[in-house]
Amino acid sequence: MIFAHPRYKHFSNRYIVSSTGRVFRRNDGSELNYHRMCSGGKFVRLSGGKQRLLSMTVGKMVLIAFDPHGLRGNRIAIHLDGDVLNDYRDNLAWGSRADQTEVSMKKPWHRRRVYGMARKHHKTAAKERTIKRLLKRGYSHARIAREIGCCKLTVYLRAKSIGTKTKIKHGKNINDDNHARRQCRL
């Protein structure tokens, strides 16, 4: 299907989009290179002549090519199975940000992530107990950090919260705890 829409008039009739999520140049038939951004989906860079460039998700291009009337207002392309790399036409629909959030909450890995957060809290409590035990034995912050697998600053912050000795060997006391927390999180 040819990619054409009045909103993207500079890029219309230059690209061919397949229902499987592949984008080709119309003039020579070569497939465009994909790249990923922090949002996770596949993006392509479109050229509209006279130094007009645009990055667009492949899912949005597929929907514009096969359902151009759905693009209105602030509607976005939603992946129905939650996999942003699956750009097949059957997996895509127009929707709002709220719809996208609803779809993402149904993902199986989202439940694992929430469970993982609870497990991480459990590990943090265990790590604090280990730090407290090793500090009572007289271990240095550096040695505790090596044994636990974290940085000295984490040990320092945990020691301070426990109420034990807070001086780091090799230098100065840390006065700005907020800066320290930003630098090293447990």
C-alpha atoms as a PDB file:
ATOM      1  CA  MET A   1       0.000   0.000   0.000  1.00  0.00           C
ATOM      2  CA  ILE A   2       1.317   3.481  -0.812  1.00  0.00           C
ATOM      3  CA  PHE A   3       1.915   5.769   2.159  1.00  0.00           C
ATOM      4  CA  ALA A   4      -0.171   8.902   1.515  1.00  0.00           C
ATOM      5  CA  HIS A   5      -1.919  11.299   3.883  1.00  0.00           C
ATOM      6  CA  PRO A   6      -2.654  15.054   3.696  1.00  0.00           C
ATOM      7  CA  ARG A   7      -1.020  15.652   7.088  1.00  0.00           C
ATOM      8  CA  TYR A   8       2.248  14.246   5.698  1.00  0.00           C
ATOM      9  CA  LYS A   9       2.056  15.766   2.222  1.00  0.00           C
ATOM     10  CA  HIS A  10       5.847  16.122   1.848  1.00  0.00           C
ATOM     11  CA  PHE A  11       6.322  12.401   2.471  1.00  0.00           C
ATOM     12  CA  SER A  12       3.266  11.089   0.592  1.00  0.00           C
ATOM     13  CA  ASN A  13       3.650   8.817  -2.459  1.00  0.00           C
ATOM     14  CA  ARG A  14       7.351   8.215  -1.712  1.00  0.00           C
ATOM     15  CA  TYR A  15       7.053   5.007   0.341  1.00  0.00           C
ATOM     16  CA  ILE A  16       5.335   1.623   0.099  1.00  0.00           C
ATOM     17  CA  VAL A  17       4.161  -0.015   3.334  1.00  0.00           C
ATOM     18  CA  SER A  18       3.359  -3.722   3.637  1.00  0.00           C
ATOM     19  CA  SER A  19       0.818  -5.207   6.032  1.00  0.00           C
ATOM     20  CA  THR A  20       3.677  -7.080   7.749  1.00  0.00           C
ATOM     21  CA  GLY A  21       5.353  -3.849   8.882  1.00  0.00           C
ATOM     22  CA  ARG A  22       8.010  -3.415   6.204  1.00  0.00           C
ATOM     23  CA  VAL A  23       8.653  -0.022   4.567  1.00  0.00           C
ATOM     24  CA  PHE A  24      10.178   0.377   1.086  1.00  0.00           C
ATOM     25  CA  ARG A  25      11.236   3.351  -1.027  1.00  0.00           C
ATOM     26  CA  ARG A  26       8.900   3.694  -3.970  1.00  0.00           C
ATOM     27  CA  ASN A  27      11.535   4.832  -6.485  1.00  0.00           C
ATOM     28  CA  ASP A  28      14.032   1.963  -6.124  1.00  0.00           C
ATOM     29  CA  GLY A  29      12.172  -0.611  -3.988  1.00  0.00           C
ATOM     30  CA  SER A  30      14.854  -0.795  -1.269  1.00  0.00           C
ATOM     31  CA  GLU A  31      13.773  -1.422   2.305  1.00  0.00           C
ATOM     32  CA  LEU A  32      14.337   1.356   4.834  1.00  0.00           C
ATOM     33  CA  ASN A  33      16.614   0.785   7.809  1.00  0.00           C
ATOM     34  CA  TYR A  34      14.898   0.640  11.185  1.00  0.00           C
ATOM     35  CA  HIS A  35      16.165   2.116  14.423  1.00  0.00           C
ATOM     36  CA  ARG A  36      14.848   2.000  17.957  1.00  0.00           C
ATOM     37  CA  MET A  37      14.381   4.849  20.405  1.00  0.00           C
ATOM     38  CA  CYS A  38      13.834   4.722  24.152  1.00  0.00           C
ATOM     39  CA  SER A  39      10.115   4.121  23.664  1.00  0.00           C
ATOM     40  CA  GLY A  40      11.061   0.749  22.230  1.00  0.00           C
ATOM     41  CA  GLY A  41       9.246   0.657  18.879  1.00  0.00           C
ATOM     42  CA  LYS A  42      10.748   0.523  15.403  1.00  0.00           C
ATOM     43  CA  PHE A  43      11.262   3.902  13.759  1.00  0.00           C
ATOM     44  CA  VAL A  44      12.145   4.858  10.183  1.00  0.00           C
ATOM     45  CA  ARG A  45      13.571   8.138   8.924  1.00  0.00           C
ATOM     46  CA  LEU A  46      11.551   9.608   6.083  1.00  0.00           C
ATOM     47  CA  SER A  47      12.920  12.104   3.598  1.00  0.00           C
ATOM     48  CA  GLY A  48      10.584  14.617   1.972  1.00  0.00           C
ATOM     49  CA  GLY A  49      12.992  16.523  -0.250  1.00  0.00           C
ATOM     50  CA  LYS A  50      14.489  19.964   0.390  1.00  0.00           C
ATOM     51  CA  GLN A  51      16.004  18.780   3.686  1.00  0.00           C
ATOM     52  CA  ARG A  52      12.658  17.717   5.173  1.00  0.00           C
ATOM     53  CA  LEU A  53      13.213  14.781   7.513  1.00  0.00           C
ATOM     54  CA  LEU A  54      10.826  12.954   9.803  1.00  0.00           C
ATOM     55  CA  SER A  55      11.139   9.995  12.172  1.00  0.00           C
ATOM     56  CA  MET A  56       7.969   7.949  12.446  1.00  0.00           C
ATOM     57  CA  THR A  57       7.076   4.612  13.991  1.00  0.00           C
ATOM     58  CA  VAL A  58       6.513   1.779  11.561  1.00  0.00           C
ATOM     59  CA  GLY A  59       3.233   0.950  13.301  1.00  0.00           C
ATOM     60  CA  LYS A  60       1.904   4.450  12.637  1.00  0.00           C
ATOM     61  CA  MET A  61       2.965   4.206   8.984  1.00  0.00           C
ATOM     62  CA  VAL A  62       1.158   0.868   8.585  1.00  0.00           C
ATOM     63  CA  LEU A  63      -2.024   2.300  10.111  1.00  0.00           C
ATOM     64  CA  ILE A  64      -1.883   5.456   7.958  1.00  0.00           C
ATOM     65  CA  ALA A  65      -1.415   3.358   4.834  1.00  0.00           C
ATOM     66  CA  PHE A  66      -4.239   0.898   5.587  1.00  0.00           C
ATOM     67  CA  ASP A  67      -6.638   3.064   7.646  1.00  0.00           C
ATOM     68  CA  PRO A  68      -5.920   6.757   6.887  1.00  0.00           C
ATOM     69  CA  HIS A  69      -9.274   7.992   8.268  1.00  0.00           C
ATOM     70  CA  GLY A  70      -8.382   6.793  11.780  1.00  0.00           C
ATOM     71  CA  LEU A  71      -5.659   9.443  12.159  1.00  0.00           C
ATOM     72  CA  ARG A  72      -7.415  12.416  13.715  1.00  0.00           C
ATOM     73  CA  GLY A  73      -6.773  14.513  16.773  1.00  0.00           C
ATOM     74  CA  ASN A  74      -4.293  12.992  19.233  1.00  0.00           C
ATOM     75  CA  ARG A  75      -4.857   9.370  18.223  1.00  0.00           C
ATOM     76  CA  ILE A  76      -1.840   7.094  18.331  1.00  0.00           C
ATOM     77  CA  ALA A  77      -0.958   3.645  17.045  1.00  0.00           C
ATOM     78  CA  ILE A  78      -1.561   0.935  19.644  1.00  0.00           C
ATOM     79  CA  HIS A  79      -0.090  -2.578  19.537  1.00  0.00           C
ATOM     80  CA  LEU A  80      -2.910  -4.861  20.642  1.00  0.00           C
ATOM     81  CA  ASP A  81      -0.671  -7.665  21.904  1.00  0.00           C
ATOM     82  CA  GLY A  82       1.611  -5.176  23.705  1.00  0.00           C
ATOM     83  CA  ASP A  83       4.690  -6.095  21.628  1.00  0.00           C
ATOM     84  CA  VAL A  84       5.960  -2.856  20.051  1.00  0.00           C
ATOM     85  CA  LEU A  85       8.107  -4.795  17.588  1.00  0.00           C
ATOM     86  CA  ASN A  86       5.088  -6.621  16.119  1.00  0.00           C
ATOM     87  CA  ASP A  87       3.975  -4.192  13.397  1.00  0.00           C
ATOM     88  CA  TYR A  88       1.576  -6.504  11.542  1.00  0.00           C
ATOM     89  CA  ARG A  89      -1.647  -4.777  10.454  1.00  0.00           C
ATOM     90  CA  ASP A  90      -3.796  -7.198  12.488  1.00  0.00           C
ATOM     91  CA  ASN A  91      -1.948  -6.198  15.662  1.00  0.00           C
ATOM     92  CA  LEU A  92      -2.441  -2.426  15.244  1.00  0.00           C
ATOM     93  CA  ALA A  93      -5.331  -0.073  16.031  1.00  0.00           C
ATOM     94  CA  TRP A  94      -5.886   3.652  16.522  1.00  0.00           C
ATOM     95  CA  GLY A  95      -6.457   4.733  20.113  1.00  0.00           C
ATOM     96  CA  SER A  96      -5.743   7.259  22.849  1.00  0.00           C
ATOM     97  CA  ARG A  97      -2.971   7.316  25.452  1.00  0.00           C
ATOM     98  CA  ALA A  98      -5.435   5.879  27.975  1.00  0.00           C
ATOM     99  CA  ASP A  99      -6.083   2.939  25.638  1.00  0.00           C
ATOM    100  CA  GLN A 100      -2.345   2.395  25.307  1.00  0.00           C
ATOM    101  CA  THR A 101      -1.936   2.345  29.084  1.00  0.00           C
ATOM    102  CA  GLU A 102      -4.773  -0.149  29.396  1.00  0.00           C
ATOM    103  CA  VAL A 103      -3.151  -2.447  26.824  1.00  0.00           C
ATOM    104  CA  SER A 104       0.258  -2.172  28.491  1.00  0.00           C
ATOM    105  CA  MET A 105      -1.189  -3.148  31.891  1.00  0.00           C
ATOM    106  CA  LYS A 106      -2.401  -6.439  30.395  1.00  0.00           C
ATOM    107  CA  LYS A 107       1.089  -7.452  29.278  1.00  0.00           C
ATOM    108  CA  PRO A 108       2.353 -10.585  31.002  1.00  0.00           C
ATOM    109  CA  TRP A 109       5.785  -9.027  31.616  1.00  0.00           C
ATOM    110  CA  HIS A 110       4.149  -6.062  33.397  1.00  0.00           C
ATOM    111  CA  ARG A 111       2.891  -8.412  36.118  1.00  0.00           C
ATOM    112  CA  ARG A 112       6.384  -9.897  36.423  1.00  0.00           C
ATOM    113  CA  ARG A 113       7.852  -6.416  36.734  1.00  0.00           C
ATOM    114  CA  VAL A 114       5.495  -5.549  39.610  1.00  0.00           C
ATOM    115  CA  TYR A 115       6.358  -8.859  41.248  1.00  0.00           C
ATOM    116  CA  GLY A 116      10.038  -8.130  40.636  1.00  0.00           C
ATOM    117  CA  MET A 117       9.701  -4.818  42.459  1.00  0.00           C
ATOM    118  CA  ALA A 118       8.391  -6.628  45.518  1.00  0.00           C
ATOM    119  CA  ARG A 119      11.281  -9.067  45.276  1.00  0.00           C
ATOM    120  CA  LYS A 120      13.738  -6.169  44.978  1.00  0.00           C
ATOM    121  CA  HIS A 121      12.379  -4.690  48.216  1.00  0.00           C
ATOM    122  CA  HIS A 122      12.926  -8.068  49.860  1.00  0.00           C
ATOM    123  CA  LYS A 123      16.521  -8.108  48.586  1.00  0.00           C
ATOM    124  CA  THR A 124      17.087  -4.563  49.871  1.00  0.00           C
ATOM    125  CA  ALA A 125      16.026  -5.555  53.375  1.00  0.00           C
ATOM    126  CA  ALA A 126      18.323  -8.583  53.246  1.00  0.00           C
ATOM    127  CA  LYS A 127      21.181  -6.389  52.025  1.00  0.00           C
ATOM    128  CA  GLU A 128      20.614  -3.955  54.911  1.00  0.00           C
ATOM    129  CA  ARG A 129      20.750  -6.824  57.408  1.00  0.00           C
ATOM    130  CA  THR A 130      24.007  -8.050  55.848  1.00  0.00           C
ATOM    131  CA  ILE A 131      25.525  -4.551  55.986  1.00  0.00           C
ATOM    132  CA  LYS A 132      24.517  -4.189  59.652  1.00  0.00           C
ATOM    133  CA  ARG A 133      26.015  -7.594  60.530  1.00  0.00           C
ATOM    134  CA  LEU A 134      29.305  -6.870  58.737  1.00  0.00           C
ATOM    135  CA  LEU A 135      29.599  -3.396  60.278  1.00  0.00           C
ATOM    136  CA  LYS A 136      29.249  -4.926  63.748  1.00  0.00           C
ATOM    137  CA  ARG A 137      32.117  -7.269  62.878  1.00  0.00           C
ATOM    138  CA  GLY A 138      34.263  -4.223  62.075  1.00  0.00           C
ATOM    139  CA  TYR A 139      34.531  -4.602  58.301  1.00  0.00           C
ATOM    140  CA  SER A 140      35.388  -1.485  56.300  1.00  0.00           C
ATOM    141  CA  HIS A 141      32.900   0.079  53.893  1.00  0.00           C
ATOM    142  CA  ALA A 142      35.047  -0.936  50.917  1.00  0.00           C
ATOM    143  CA  ARG A 143      35.238  -4.576  52.021  1.00  0.00           C
ATOM    144  CA  ILE A 144      31.476  -4.736  52.627  1.00  0.00           C
ATOM    145  CA  ALA A 145      30.844  -3.193  49.212  1.00  0.00           C
ATOM    146  CA  ARG A 146      33.092  -5.807  47.555  1.00  0.00           C
ATOM    147  CA  GLU A 147      31.405  -8.689  49.357  1.00  0.00           C
ATOM    148  CA  ILE A 148      27.836  -7.531  48.693  1.00  0.00           C
ATOM    149  CA  GLY A 149      28.480  -6.315  45.163  1.00  0.00           C
ATOM    150  CA  CYS A 150      27.550  -2.650  45.513  1.00  0.00           C
ATOM    151  CA  CYS A 151      29.449   0.639  45.852  1.00  0.00           C
ATOM    152  CA  LYS A 152      30.912   2.159  49.020  1.00  0.00           C
ATOM    153  CA  LEU A 153      28.399   4.970  48.892  1.00  0.00           C
ATOM    154  CA  THR A 154      25.521   2.504  49.200  1.00  0.00           C
ATOM    155  CA  VAL A 155      27.159   0.990  52.266  1.00  0.00           C
ATOM    156  CA  TYR A 156      27.691   4.488  53.685  1.00  0.00           C
ATOM    157  CA  LEU A 157      24.022   5.419  53.212  1.00  0.00           C
ATOM    158  CA  ARG A 158      22.791   2.162  54.712  1.00  0.00           C
ATOM    159  CA  ALA A 159      25.193   2.535  57.647  1.00  0.00           C
ATOM    160  CA  LYS A 160      23.927   6.053  58.254  1.00  0.00           C
ATOM    161  CA  SER A 161      20.295   4.898  58.189  1.00  0.00           C
ATOM    162  CA  ILE A 162      21.138   2.104  60.649  1.00  0.00           C
ATOM    163  CA  GLY A 163      22.891   4.608  62.914  1.00  0.00           C
ATOM    164  CA  THR A 164      26.437   3.248  62.912  1.00  0.00           C
ATOM    165  CA  LYS A 165      29.795   4.803  62.040  1.00  0.00           C
ATOM    166  CA  THR A 166      29.411   7.010  58.952  1.00  0.00           C
ATOM    167  CA  LYS A 167      32.978   7.956  58.047  1.00  0.00           C
ATOM    168  CA  ILE A 168      34.275   6.648  54.734  1.00  0.00           C
ATOM    169  CA  LYS A 169      37.992   5.695  54.806  1.00  0.00           C
ATOM    170  CA  HIS A 170      39.888   7.440  51.933  1.00  0.00           C
ATOM    171  CA  GLY A 171      38.758  10.931  52.704  1.00  0.00           C
ATOM    172  CA  LYS A 172      35.906  13.098  53.765  1.00  0.00           C
ATOM    173  CA  ASN A 173      32.492  12.680  55.251  1.00  0.00           C
ATOM    174  CA  ILE A 174      29.692  13.035  52.761  1.00  0.00           C
ATOM    175  CA  ASN A 175      27.589  16.037  53.691  1.00  0.00           C
ATOM    176  CA  ASP A 176      25.049  16.094  50.886  1.00  0.00           C
ATOM    177  CA  ASP A 177      23.038  12.894  51.323  1.00  0.00           C
ATOM    178  CA  ASN A 178      20.629  13.799  48.517  1.00  0.00           C
ATOM    179  CA  HIS A 179      23.538  14.057  46.091  1.00  0.00           C
ATOM    180  CA  ALA A 180      24.837  10.752  47.397  1.00  0.00           C
ATOM    181  CA  ARG A 181      21.467   9.054  46.893  1.00  0.00           C
ATOM    182  CA  ARG A 182      21.284  10.334  43.323  1.00  0.00           C
ATOM    183  CA  GLN A 183      24.760   9.003  42.584  1.00  0.00           C
ATOM    184  CA  CYS A 184      24.245   5.529  43.955  1.00  0.00           C
ATOM    185  CA  ARG A 185      20.914   3.810  44.552  1.00  0.00           C
ATOM    186  CA  LEU A 186      20.468   0.526  46.387  1.00  0.00           C
END
